[in-house]
Amino acid sequence: MKDYYGILEVNEKASQEIIEKAYKTLVKKYHPDLYSSVQKKEAEMKLKDINEAYNILSDNFLRSQYDLELQRERNSAQKKENIINNEKNTAKKNSRNIFKNEEDKPKTKYVRNKSNVGTIFGIIDLVRDLWGNRPQKNEKKKMDQKDWLAVGLTIIILIIIGVILWFIPFTNGWMRQLLFENPIFNLIGGLFS
């Protein structure tokens, strides 16, 4: 967004009289007839921007709309700057203290050496870490609600794909053969008939 106040070289709180005086002064200063052919194009572009700025800032309604939009843009820029600063601060804090508690530290006796990264020894260290952090045999994982939901959605998707394949002429014969000539599906069908 163009800074019309900067183009007219006035303050944002400037009155209409000051804006008009600045406009007239700048028009006299940048009038294309005062410049040679090379500088004339630059003066024309500058004068075009000055006229545009004056048209917006001289009309009270357009000026109020422009001020609102300018304020929104500044607020948005300030929010983006705050987010970037927060991310930088968070990254600094995390780099200083990766593990807040002793419980968060990995329970491995091997410590990865930074000089090993990208070498065969680095891969060996990574495998050792992964192997040391694997779940033990006596730890049983219980299926929670999300796991059951995933299983149910998978079954529904497979059924939908099967129905779609059934109605496609090219795959219909293959689906009939799979369902009616397969001994497993015959056994399952025999249980329900």
N, C-alpha and C. Protein backbone atom coordinates (compact mmCIF):
# COMPACT_ATOMS: atom_id res chain seq x y z
N MET A 1 0.84 -1.17 0.00
CA MET A 1 0.00 0.00 0.00
C MET A 1 0.89 1.24 0.00
N LYS A 2 0.53 2.18 -0.85
CA LYS A 2 1.32 3.40 -0.96
C LYS A 2 1.12 4.28 0.26
N ASP A 3 2.19 4.95 0.66
CA ASP A 3 2.11 5.90 1.77
C ASP A 3 1.84 7.28 1.20
N TYR A 4 0.55 7.64 1.13
CA TYR A 4 0.16 8.92 0.54
C TYR A 4 0.65 10.11 1.37
N TYR A 5 0.73 9.93 2.68
CA TYR A 5 1.25 11.01 3.53
C TYR A 5 2.73 11.25 3.23
N GLY A 6 3.45 10.17 3.01
CA GLY A 6 4.86 10.30 2.67
C GLY A 6 5.06 10.92 1.30
N ILE A 7 4.17 10.58 0.37
CA ILE A 7 4.28 11.15 -0.98
C ILE A 7 4.07 12.66 -0.94
N LEU A 8 3.07 13.10 -0.15
CA LEU A 8 2.81 14.54 -0.04
C LEU A 8 3.70 15.22 0.99
N GLU A 9 4.50 14.42 1.70
CA GLU A 9 5.45 14.93 2.69
C GLU A 9 4.73 15.70 3.80
N VAL A 10 3.64 15.11 4.30
CA VAL A 10 2.90 15.72 5.40
C VAL A 10 2.70 14.69 6.50
N ASN A 11 2.31 15.18 7.67
CA ASN A 11 2.01 14.35 8.82
C ASN A 11 0.63 13.73 8.63
N GLU A 12 0.40 12.59 9.28
CA GLU A 12 -0.91 11.94 9.17
C GLU A 12 -2.03 12.76 9.80
N LYS A 13 -1.70 13.64 10.70
CA LYS A 13 -2.71 14.48 11.37
C LYS A 13 -2.85 15.85 10.71
N ALA A 14 -2.29 15.99 9.53
CA ALA A 14 -2.30 17.29 8.85
C ALA A 14 -3.72 17.68 8.44
N SER A 15 -3.99 18.97 8.50
CA SER A 15 -5.31 19.48 8.11
C SER A 15 -5.41 19.55 6.59
N GLN A 16 -6.63 19.83 6.09
CA GLN A 16 -6.86 19.92 4.65
C GLN A 16 -6.05 21.06 4.03
N GLU A 17 -5.90 22.17 4.78
CA GLU A 17 -5.14 23.31 4.26
C GLU A 17 -3.67 22.94 4.05
N ILE A 18 -3.11 22.24 5.01
CA ILE A 18 -1.70 21.84 4.92
C ILE A 18 -1.51 20.86 3.76
N ILE A 19 -2.45 19.93 3.61
CA ILE A 19 -2.37 18.97 2.51
C ILE A 19 -2.44 19.69 1.17
N GLU A 20 -3.34 20.68 1.07
CA GLU A 20 -3.47 21.44 -0.18
C GLU A 20 -2.21 22.24 -0.48
N LYS A 21 -1.62 22.87 0.55
CA LYS A 21 -0.37 23.63 0.35
C LYS A 21 0.76 22.71 -0.10
N ALA A 22 0.87 21.55 0.55
CA ALA A 22 1.92 20.60 0.19
C ALA A 22 1.72 20.13 -1.25
N TYR A 23 0.47 19.88 -1.62
CA TYR A 23 0.17 19.44 -2.98
C TYR A 23 0.61 20.49 -4.00
N LYS A 24 0.23 21.74 -3.77
CA LYS A 24 0.58 22.80 -4.72
C LYS A 24 2.09 22.99 -4.82
N THR A 25 2.77 22.90 -3.68
CA THR A 25 4.23 23.05 -3.67
C THR A 25 4.89 21.92 -4.47
N LEU A 26 4.42 20.69 -4.25
CA LEU A 26 5.02 19.55 -4.95
C LEU A 26 4.70 19.55 -6.44
N VAL A 27 3.51 20.04 -6.80
CA VAL A 27 3.16 20.12 -8.22
C VAL A 27 4.09 21.11 -8.92
N LYS A 28 4.36 22.23 -8.27
CA LYS A 28 5.29 23.21 -8.86
C LYS A 28 6.69 22.63 -8.95
N LYS A 29 7.08 21.88 -7.92
CA LYS A 29 8.43 21.34 -7.87
C LYS A 29 8.65 20.25 -8.93
N TYR A 30 7.66 19.39 -9.15
CA TYR A 30 7.82 18.23 -10.03
C TYR A 30 7.07 18.38 -11.36
N HIS A 31 6.73 19.58 -11.74
CA HIS A 31 6.04 19.75 -13.03
C HIS A 31 6.97 19.31 -14.16
N PRO A 32 6.47 18.44 -15.06
CA PRO A 32 7.34 17.87 -16.10
C PRO A 32 7.97 18.90 -17.04
N ASP A 33 7.36 20.06 -17.21
CA ASP A 33 7.92 21.07 -18.11
C ASP A 33 9.23 21.66 -17.58
N LEU A 34 9.49 21.50 -16.31
CA LEU A 34 10.70 22.05 -15.71
C LEU A 34 11.93 21.16 -15.92
N TYR A 35 11.75 19.94 -16.43
CA TYR A 35 12.84 18.97 -16.51
C TYR A 35 13.17 18.63 -17.95
N SER A 36 14.39 18.09 -18.12
CA SER A 36 14.82 17.66 -19.44
C SER A 36 14.16 16.32 -19.78
N SER A 37 14.40 15.82 -20.97
CA SER A 37 13.70 14.62 -21.44
C SER A 37 13.96 13.38 -20.57
N VAL A 38 15.18 13.24 -20.05
CA VAL A 38 15.50 12.07 -19.22
C VAL A 38 14.78 12.17 -17.87
N GLN A 39 14.83 13.31 -17.24
CA GLN A 39 14.22 13.49 -15.93
C GLN A 39 12.72 13.74 -16.04
N LYS A 40 12.24 14.02 -17.23
CA LYS A 40 10.84 14.35 -17.43
C LYS A 40 9.94 13.16 -17.10
N LYS A 41 10.36 11.94 -17.49
CA LYS A 41 9.56 10.74 -17.20
C LYS A 41 9.47 10.49 -15.70
N GLU A 42 10.58 10.69 -15.01
CA GLU A 42 10.58 10.52 -13.55
C GLU A 42 9.66 11.55 -12.90
N ALA A 43 9.70 12.78 -13.40
CA ALA A 43 8.83 13.83 -12.86
C ALA A 43 7.36 13.52 -13.13
N GLU A 44 7.06 12.97 -14.30
CA GLU A 44 5.68 12.60 -14.62
C GLU A 44 5.18 11.51 -13.68
N MET A 45 6.03 10.51 -13.41
CA MET A 45 5.64 9.44 -12.49
C MET A 45 5.43 9.99 -11.07
N LYS A 46 6.33 10.87 -10.65
CA LYS A 46 6.21 11.47 -9.33
C LYS A 46 4.94 12.31 -9.25
N LEU A 47 4.64 13.07 -10.31
CA LEU A 47 3.44 13.91 -10.33
C LEU A 47 2.18 13.05 -10.33
N LYS A 48 2.23 11.92 -11.00
CA LYS A 48 1.09 11.00 -10.99
C LYS A 48 0.81 10.51 -9.57
N ASP A 49 1.87 10.12 -8.85
CA ASP A 49 1.71 9.68 -7.46
C ASP A 49 1.19 10.82 -6.57
N ILE A 50 1.68 12.02 -6.81
CA ILE A 50 1.24 13.18 -6.02
C ILE A 50 -0.24 13.45 -6.24
N ASN A 51 -0.69 13.40 -7.50
CA ASN A 51 -2.11 13.60 -7.81
C ASN A 51 -2.99 12.52 -7.17
N GLU A 52 -2.53 11.28 -7.23
CA GLU A 52 -3.28 10.18 -6.63
C GLU A 52 -3.39 10.37 -5.12
N ALA A 53 -2.29 10.73 -4.49
CA ALA A 53 -2.30 10.96 -3.04
C ALA A 53 -3.22 12.11 -2.67
N TYR A 54 -3.16 13.18 -3.44
CA TYR A 54 -4.01 14.34 -3.15
C TYR A 54 -5.49 14.00 -3.34
N ASN A 55 -5.82 13.25 -4.36
CA ASN A 55 -7.22 12.86 -4.59
C ASN A 55 -7.77 12.05 -3.42
N ILE A 56 -6.96 11.20 -2.85
CA ILE A 56 -7.41 10.39 -1.71
C ILE A 56 -7.48 11.23 -0.44
N LEU A 57 -6.44 11.99 -0.15
CA LEU A 57 -6.36 12.71 1.12
C LEU A 57 -7.20 13.98 1.16
N SER A 58 -7.59 14.50 0.01
CA SER A 58 -8.42 15.72 0.01
C SER A 58 -9.89 15.40 0.23
N ASP A 59 -10.30 14.18 -0.04
CA ASP A 59 -11.69 13.76 0.18
C ASP A 59 -11.78 13.14 1.59
N ASN A 60 -12.64 13.68 2.44
CA ASN A 60 -12.73 13.23 3.84
C ASN A 60 -13.09 11.75 3.94
N PHE A 61 -14.06 11.31 3.14
CA PHE A 61 -14.47 9.91 3.20
C PHE A 61 -13.34 8.99 2.76
N LEU A 62 -12.73 9.29 1.61
CA LEU A 62 -11.62 8.45 1.11
C LEU A 62 -10.44 8.46 2.07
N ARG A 63 -10.20 9.62 2.68
CA ARG A 63 -9.09 9.71 3.63
C ARG A 63 -9.37 8.85 4.85
N SER A 64 -10.59 8.84 5.35
CA SER A 64 -10.91 8.01 6.52
C SER A 64 -10.79 6.52 6.18
N GLN A 65 -11.24 6.15 4.96
CA GLN A 65 -11.09 4.76 4.54
C GLN A 65 -9.61 4.38 4.40
N TYR A 66 -8.84 5.29 3.84
CA TYR A 66 -7.41 5.05 3.68
C TYR A 66 -6.74 4.91 5.05
N ASP A 67 -7.10 5.78 6.00
CA ASP A 67 -6.51 5.71 7.33
C ASP A 67 -6.83 4.37 8.01
N LEU A 68 -8.08 3.90 7.85
CA LEU A 68 -8.45 2.60 8.42
C LEU A 68 -7.62 1.47 7.81
N GLU A 69 -7.49 1.50 6.49
CA GLU A 69 -6.73 0.45 5.81
C GLU A 69 -5.25 0.52 6.19
N LEU A 70 -4.73 1.72 6.31
CA LEU A 70 -3.34 1.90 6.72
C LEU A 70 -3.11 1.36 8.14
N GLN A 71 -4.06 1.64 9.02
CA GLN A 71 -3.96 1.14 10.40
C GLN A 71 -4.02 -0.39 10.43
N ARG A 72 -4.92 -0.99 9.62
CA ARG A 72 -5.00 -2.45 9.55
C ARG A 72 -3.69 -3.05 9.07
N GLU A 73 -3.10 -2.42 8.05
CA GLU A 73 -1.85 -2.92 7.52
C GLU A 73 -0.73 -2.84 8.56
N ARG A 74 -0.70 -1.75 9.29
CA ARG A 74 0.32 -1.61 10.33
C ARG A 74 0.12 -2.62 11.45
N ASN A 75 -1.15 -2.84 11.84
CA ASN A 75 -1.44 -3.84 12.88
C ASN A 75 -1.04 -5.23 12.41
N SER A 76 -1.34 -5.54 11.15
CA SER A 76 -0.98 -6.84 10.60
C SER A 76 0.54 -7.01 10.58
N ALA A 77 1.24 -5.97 10.17
CA ALA A 77 2.70 -6.04 10.15
C ALA A 77 3.26 -6.20 11.57
N GLN A 78 2.64 -5.51 12.54
CA GLN A 78 3.08 -5.61 13.93
C GLN A 78 2.84 -7.02 14.46
N LYS A 79 1.68 -7.62 14.10
CA LYS A 79 1.39 -8.99 14.55
C LYS A 79 2.40 -9.96 13.97
N LYS A 80 2.70 -9.81 12.67
CA LYS A 80 3.69 -10.69 12.05
C LYS A 80 5.04 -10.55 12.73
N GLU A 81 5.42 -9.32 13.04
CA GLU A 81 6.71 -9.08 13.70
C GLU A 81 6.72 -9.71 15.09
N ASN A 82 5.59 -9.60 15.82
CA ASN A 82 5.49 -10.21 17.14
C ASN A 82 5.60 -11.73 17.06
N ILE A 83 4.94 -12.32 16.05
CA ILE A 83 5.00 -13.77 15.89
C ILE A 83 6.43 -14.22 15.61
N ILE A 84 7.11 -13.49 14.73
CA ILE A 84 8.50 -13.84 14.40
C ILE A 84 9.39 -13.72 15.63
N ASN A 85 9.19 -12.64 16.40
CA ASN A 85 9.99 -12.47 17.62
C ASN A 85 9.70 -13.56 18.63
N ASN A 86 8.42 -13.94 18.79
CA ASN A 86 8.07 -15.03 19.71
C ASN A 86 8.70 -16.34 19.27
N GLU A 87 8.68 -16.61 17.96
CA GLU A 87 9.29 -17.84 17.47
C GLU A 87 10.80 -17.84 17.72
N LYS A 88 11.43 -16.69 17.51
CA LYS A 88 12.87 -16.60 17.77
C LYS A 88 13.16 -16.84 19.25
N ASN A 89 12.36 -16.21 20.12
CA ASN A 89 12.57 -16.38 21.56
C ASN A 89 12.33 -17.82 21.98
N THR A 90 11.30 -18.45 21.43
CA THR A 90 11.02 -19.84 21.75
C THR A 90 12.15 -20.73 21.28
N ALA A 91 12.66 -20.46 20.09
CA ALA A 91 13.77 -21.26 19.57
C ALA A 91 15.01 -21.11 20.45
N LYS A 92 15.26 -19.88 20.92
CA LYS A 92 16.40 -19.67 21.81
C LYS A 92 16.23 -20.44 23.11
N LYS A 93 15.01 -20.37 23.69
CA LYS A 93 14.76 -21.08 24.94
C LYS A 93 14.90 -22.58 24.75
N ASN A 94 14.35 -23.09 23.63
CA ASN A 94 14.42 -24.52 23.38
C ASN A 94 15.85 -24.98 23.11
N SER A 95 16.64 -24.13 22.48
CA SER A 95 18.02 -24.54 22.20
C SER A 95 18.85 -24.56 23.49
N ARG A 96 18.50 -23.71 24.44
CA ARG A 96 19.23 -23.69 25.70
C ARG A 96 18.83 -24.86 26.60
N ASN A 97 17.53 -25.17 26.64
CA ASN A 97 17.05 -26.19 27.54
C ASN A 97 16.08 -27.09 26.79
N ILE A 98 16.61 -28.11 26.16
CA ILE A 98 15.77 -29.00 25.37
C ILE A 98 14.85 -29.81 26.28
N PHE A 99 15.38 -30.31 27.38
CA PHE A 99 14.60 -31.14 28.29
C PHE A 99 14.31 -30.35 29.55
N LYS A 100 13.02 -30.12 29.81
CA LYS A 100 12.63 -29.35 31.00
C LYS A 100 12.80 -30.19 32.26
N ASN A 101 12.43 -31.45 32.19
CA ASN A 101 12.51 -32.32 33.35
C ASN A 101 13.49 -33.45 33.05
N GLU A 102 13.91 -34.11 34.10
CA GLU A 102 14.76 -35.28 33.94
C GLU A 102 14.00 -36.40 33.25
N GLU A 103 12.65 -36.44 33.45
CA GLU A 103 11.84 -37.50 32.86
C GLU A 103 11.77 -37.37 31.35
N ASP A 104 11.93 -36.15 30.82
CA ASP A 104 11.84 -35.92 29.39
C ASP A 104 13.09 -36.39 28.64
N LYS A 105 14.20 -36.54 29.35
CA LYS A 105 15.43 -36.95 28.69
C LYS A 105 15.30 -38.38 28.20
N PRO A 106 15.88 -38.68 27.05
CA PRO A 106 15.80 -40.06 26.56
C PRO A 106 16.52 -41.02 27.50
N LYS A 107 15.94 -42.19 27.66
CA LYS A 107 16.50 -43.18 28.58
C LYS A 107 17.44 -44.09 27.83
N THR A 108 18.51 -43.53 27.36
CA THR A 108 19.51 -44.31 26.64
C THR A 108 20.88 -43.99 27.22
N LYS A 109 21.74 -44.97 27.19
CA LYS A 109 23.06 -44.73 27.73
C LYS A 109 24.01 -44.20 26.67
N TYR A 110 23.55 -44.17 25.42
CA TYR A 110 24.38 -43.67 24.35
C TYR A 110 24.05 -42.21 24.09
N VAL A 111 25.09 -41.44 23.90
CA VAL A 111 24.93 -40.02 23.59
C VAL A 111 25.44 -39.80 22.18
N ARG A 112 24.63 -39.17 21.37
CA ARG A 112 25.01 -38.93 19.99
C ARG A 112 26.09 -37.85 19.93
N ASN A 113 27.11 -38.13 19.21
CA ASN A 113 28.21 -37.19 19.04
C ASN A 113 27.94 -36.38 17.78
N LYS A 114 28.01 -35.05 17.88
CA LYS A 114 27.71 -34.19 16.74
C LYS A 114 28.67 -34.42 15.58
N SER A 115 29.87 -34.84 15.87
CA SER A 115 30.84 -35.05 14.79
C SER A 115 30.51 -36.31 13.99
N ASN A 116 29.64 -37.19 14.51
CA ASN A 116 29.29 -38.42 13.83
C ASN A 116 28.14 -38.25 12.85
N VAL A 117 27.51 -37.11 12.82
CA VAL A 117 26.36 -36.91 11.95
C VAL A 117 26.78 -37.08 10.50
N GLY A 118 26.04 -37.92 9.77
CA GLY A 118 26.33 -38.14 8.36
C GLY A 118 27.36 -39.22 8.11
N THR A 119 27.81 -39.89 9.16
CA THR A 119 28.79 -40.97 8.98
C THR A 119 28.15 -42.28 9.38
N ILE A 120 28.86 -43.37 9.16
CA ILE A 120 28.36 -44.69 9.55
C ILE A 120 28.22 -44.79 11.06
N PHE A 121 29.11 -44.09 11.79
CA PHE A 121 29.01 -44.11 13.25
C PHE A 121 27.76 -43.35 13.72
N GLY A 122 27.39 -42.32 12.99
CA GLY A 122 26.16 -41.60 13.32
C GLY A 122 24.94 -42.48 13.12
N ILE A 123 24.94 -43.28 12.06
CA ILE A 123 23.83 -44.20 11.83
C ILE A 123 23.78 -45.26 12.92
N ILE A 124 24.94 -45.74 13.32
CA ILE A 124 24.99 -46.74 14.40
C ILE A 124 24.45 -46.14 15.69
N ASP A 125 24.83 -44.91 16.00
CA ASP A 125 24.30 -44.24 17.19
C ASP A 125 22.79 -44.07 17.12
N LEU A 126 22.29 -43.71 15.94
CA LEU A 126 20.85 -43.54 15.77
C LEU A 126 20.12 -44.86 15.99
N VAL A 127 20.63 -45.94 15.42
CA VAL A 127 20.01 -47.26 15.61
C VAL A 127 20.04 -47.66 17.08
N ARG A 128 21.14 -47.39 17.76
CA ARG A 128 21.22 -47.70 19.20
C ARG A 128 20.16 -46.93 19.99
N ASP A 129 20.00 -45.64 19.65
CA ASP A 129 18.98 -44.83 20.34
C ASP A 129 17.59 -45.39 20.09
N LEU A 130 17.31 -45.70 18.85
CA LEU A 130 15.98 -46.22 18.52
C LEU A 130 15.75 -47.58 19.19
N TRP A 131 16.74 -48.43 19.17
CA TRP A 131 16.62 -49.76 19.76
C TRP A 131 16.46 -49.65 21.28
N GLY A 132 17.15 -48.69 21.89
CA GLY A 132 17.05 -48.53 23.34
C GLY A 132 15.72 -47.94 23.78
N ASN A 133 15.06 -47.20 22.92
CA ASN A 133 13.79 -46.56 23.29
C ASN A 133 12.57 -47.33 22.81
N ARG A 134 12.74 -48.56 22.34
CA ARG A 134 11.60 -49.33 21.85
C ARG A 134 10.76 -49.81 23.04
N PRO A 135 9.46 -50.04 22.82
CA PRO A 135 8.63 -50.55 23.92
C PRO A 135 9.05 -51.97 24.30
N GLN A 136 8.98 -52.27 25.57
CA GLN A 136 9.35 -53.59 26.06
C GLN A 136 8.22 -54.57 25.81
N LYS A 137 8.54 -55.88 25.85
CA LYS A 137 7.55 -56.92 25.56
C LYS A 137 6.42 -56.94 26.58
N ASN A 138 6.73 -56.65 27.82
CA ASN A 138 5.69 -56.73 28.85
C ASN A 138 4.76 -55.52 28.83
N GLU A 139 5.08 -54.50 28.06
CA GLU A 139 4.21 -53.34 27.94
C GLU A 139 3.18 -53.62 26.86
N LYS A 140 1.90 -53.71 27.25
CA LYS A 140 0.83 -53.96 26.28
C LYS A 140 0.19 -52.63 25.93
N LYS A 141 0.00 -52.45 24.64
CA LYS A 141 -0.63 -51.22 24.19
C LYS A 141 -2.12 -51.45 24.09
N LYS A 142 -2.88 -50.60 24.74
CA LYS A 142 -4.33 -50.70 24.66
C LYS A 142 -4.80 -49.86 23.49
N MET A 143 -5.82 -50.36 22.80
CA MET A 143 -6.39 -49.59 21.70
C MET A 143 -7.36 -48.58 22.29
N ASP A 144 -7.12 -47.34 21.99
CA ASP A 144 -8.03 -46.31 22.49
C ASP A 144 -9.07 -45.98 21.41
N GLN A 145 -9.87 -44.98 21.69
CA GLN A 145 -10.99 -44.64 20.81
C GLN A 145 -10.51 -44.22 19.41
N LYS A 146 -9.40 -43.52 19.33
CA LYS A 146 -8.88 -43.11 18.03
C LYS A 146 -8.46 -44.31 17.19
N ASP A 147 -7.87 -45.33 17.83
CA ASP A 147 -7.46 -46.52 17.10
C ASP A 147 -8.68 -47.26 16.55
N TRP A 148 -9.72 -47.40 17.35
CA TRP A 148 -10.94 -48.07 16.88
C TRP A 148 -11.60 -47.28 15.76
N LEU A 149 -11.56 -45.97 15.87
CA LEU A 149 -12.12 -45.13 14.81
C LEU A 149 -11.34 -45.32 13.52
N ALA A 150 -10.03 -45.40 13.60
CA ALA A 150 -9.20 -45.62 12.41
C ALA A 150 -9.49 -46.97 11.78
N VAL A 151 -9.67 -48.00 12.60
CA VAL A 151 -9.99 -49.33 12.07
C VAL A 151 -11.36 -49.29 11.38
N GLY A 152 -12.34 -48.67 12.01
CA GLY A 152 -13.68 -48.58 11.43
C GLY A 152 -13.67 -47.81 10.11
N LEU A 153 -12.97 -46.68 10.07
CA LEU A 153 -12.89 -45.90 8.83
C LEU A 153 -12.19 -46.68 7.72
N THR A 154 -11.17 -47.45 8.07
CA THR A 154 -10.47 -48.26 7.07
C THR A 154 -11.41 -49.30 6.48
N ILE A 155 -12.21 -49.95 7.31
CA ILE A 155 -13.16 -50.96 6.82
C ILE A 155 -14.20 -50.31 5.92
N ILE A 156 -14.72 -49.16 6.33
CA ILE A 156 -15.72 -48.46 5.52
C ILE A 156 -15.14 -48.06 4.17
N ILE A 157 -13.92 -47.56 4.15
CA ILE A 157 -13.28 -47.17 2.90
C ILE A 157 -13.08 -48.38 1.98
N LEU A 158 -12.67 -49.52 2.55
CA LEU A 158 -12.49 -50.73 1.74
C LEU A 158 -13.82 -51.20 1.15
N ILE A 159 -14.89 -51.11 1.92
CA ILE A 159 -16.21 -51.50 1.41
C ILE A 159 -16.62 -50.58 0.27
N ILE A 160 -16.40 -49.26 0.43
CA ILE A 160 -16.75 -48.31 -0.62
C ILE A 160 -15.95 -48.58 -1.89
N ILE A 161 -14.66 -48.86 -1.73
CA ILE A 161 -13.83 -49.19 -2.90
C ILE A 161 -14.33 -50.46 -3.57
N GLY A 162 -14.71 -51.46 -2.77
CA GLY A 162 -15.25 -52.70 -3.33
C GLY A 162 -16.54 -52.46 -4.11
N VAL A 163 -17.43 -51.63 -3.58
CA VAL A 163 -18.68 -51.33 -4.29
C VAL A 163 -18.38 -50.60 -5.60
N ILE A 164 -17.46 -49.66 -5.56
CA ILE A 164 -17.09 -48.93 -6.79
C ILE A 164 -16.51 -49.90 -7.82
N LEU A 165 -15.62 -50.79 -7.37
CA LEU A 165 -15.04 -51.76 -8.31
C LEU A 165 -16.10 -52.72 -8.85
N TRP A 166 -17.11 -53.03 -8.07
CA TRP A 166 -18.18 -53.93 -8.50
C TRP A 166 -18.94 -53.33 -9.68
N PHE A 167 -19.17 -52.03 -9.66
CA PHE A 167 -19.98 -51.39 -10.70
C PHE A 167 -19.17 -50.93 -11.91
N ILE A 168 -17.87 -51.03 -11.86
CA ILE A 168 -17.05 -50.72 -13.03
C ILE A 168 -16.99 -51.99 -13.89
N PRO A 169 -17.44 -51.91 -15.15
CA PRO A 169 -17.50 -53.12 -15.99
C PRO A 169 -16.15 -53.82 -16.13
N PHE A 170 -15.07 -53.08 -16.19
CA PHE A 170 -13.76 -53.67 -16.39
C PHE A 170 -13.35 -54.54 -15.21
N THR A 171 -13.71 -54.15 -13.98
CA THR A 171 -13.29 -54.89 -12.79
C THR A 171 -14.39 -55.77 -12.22
N ASN A 172 -15.58 -55.78 -12.83
CA ASN A 172 -16.70 -56.55 -12.30
C ASN A 172 -16.39 -58.05 -12.30
N GLY A 173 -15.81 -58.54 -13.40
CA GLY A 173 -15.50 -59.97 -13.49
C GLY A 173 -14.48 -60.39 -12.44
N TRP A 174 -13.50 -59.56 -12.22
CA TRP A 174 -12.48 -59.85 -11.21
C TRP A 174 -13.09 -59.89 -9.82
N MET A 175 -14.01 -58.94 -9.53
CA MET A 175 -14.67 -58.90 -8.22
C MET A 175 -15.56 -60.13 -8.02
N ARG A 176 -16.28 -60.56 -9.07
CA ARG A 176 -17.13 -61.77 -8.96
C ARG A 176 -16.25 -62.98 -8.67
N GLN A 177 -15.14 -63.09 -9.37
CA GLN A 177 -14.24 -64.21 -9.15
C GLN A 177 -13.69 -64.19 -7.72
N LEU A 178 -13.33 -63.02 -7.22
CA LEU A 178 -12.80 -62.89 -5.87
C LEU A 178 -13.84 -63.28 -4.83
N LEU A 179 -15.09 -62.84 -5.03
CA LEU A 179 -16.12 -63.08 -4.02
C LEU A 179 -16.73 -64.47 -4.08
N PHE A 180 -16.94 -65.02 -5.31
CA PHE A 180 -17.72 -66.26 -5.41
C PHE A 180 -16.86 -67.50 -5.60
N GLU A 181 -15.62 -67.36 -6.03
CA GLU A 181 -14.78 -68.52 -6.25
C GLU A 181 -13.66 -68.66 -5.22
N ASN A 182 -13.51 -67.71 -4.34
CA ASN A 182 -12.48 -67.75 -3.32
C ASN A 182 -12.98 -68.58 -2.14
N PRO A 183 -12.21 -69.58 -1.70
CA PRO A 183 -12.68 -70.46 -0.62
C PRO A 183 -12.88 -69.72 0.71
N ILE A 184 -12.10 -68.69 0.97
CA ILE A 184 -12.25 -67.95 2.23
C ILE A 184 -13.59 -67.23 2.25
N PHE A 185 -13.90 -66.54 1.13
CA PHE A 185 -15.17 -65.82 1.08
C PHE A 185 -16.35 -66.81 1.02
N ASN A 186 -16.16 -68.00 0.42
CA ASN A 186 -17.22 -69.01 0.43
C ASN A 186 -17.47 -69.49 1.85
N LEU A 187 -16.41 -69.65 2.64
CA LEU A 187 -16.56 -70.09 4.02
C LEU A 187 -17.28 -69.03 4.83
N ILE A 188 -16.93 -67.75 4.64
CA ILE A 188 -17.59 -66.65 5.35
C ILE A 188 -19.04 -66.56 4.92
N GLY A 189 -19.30 -66.72 3.61
CA GLY A 189 -20.68 -66.67 3.11
C GLY A 189 -21.50 -67.83 3.63
N GLY A 190 -20.87 -69.02 3.79
CA GLY A 190 -21.57 -70.19 4.32
C GLY A 190 -21.97 -70.00 5.76
N LEU A 191 -21.22 -69.20 6.51
CA LEU A 191 -21.57 -68.96 7.91
C LEU A 191 -22.86 -68.14 8.03
N PHE A 192 -23.10 -67.25 7.05
CA PHE A 192 -24.26 -66.37 7.13
C PHE A 192 -25.47 -66.91 6.40
N SER A 193 -25.34 -68.02 5.65
CA SER A 193 -26.50 -68.55 4.92
C SER A 193 -27.12 -69.73 5.61
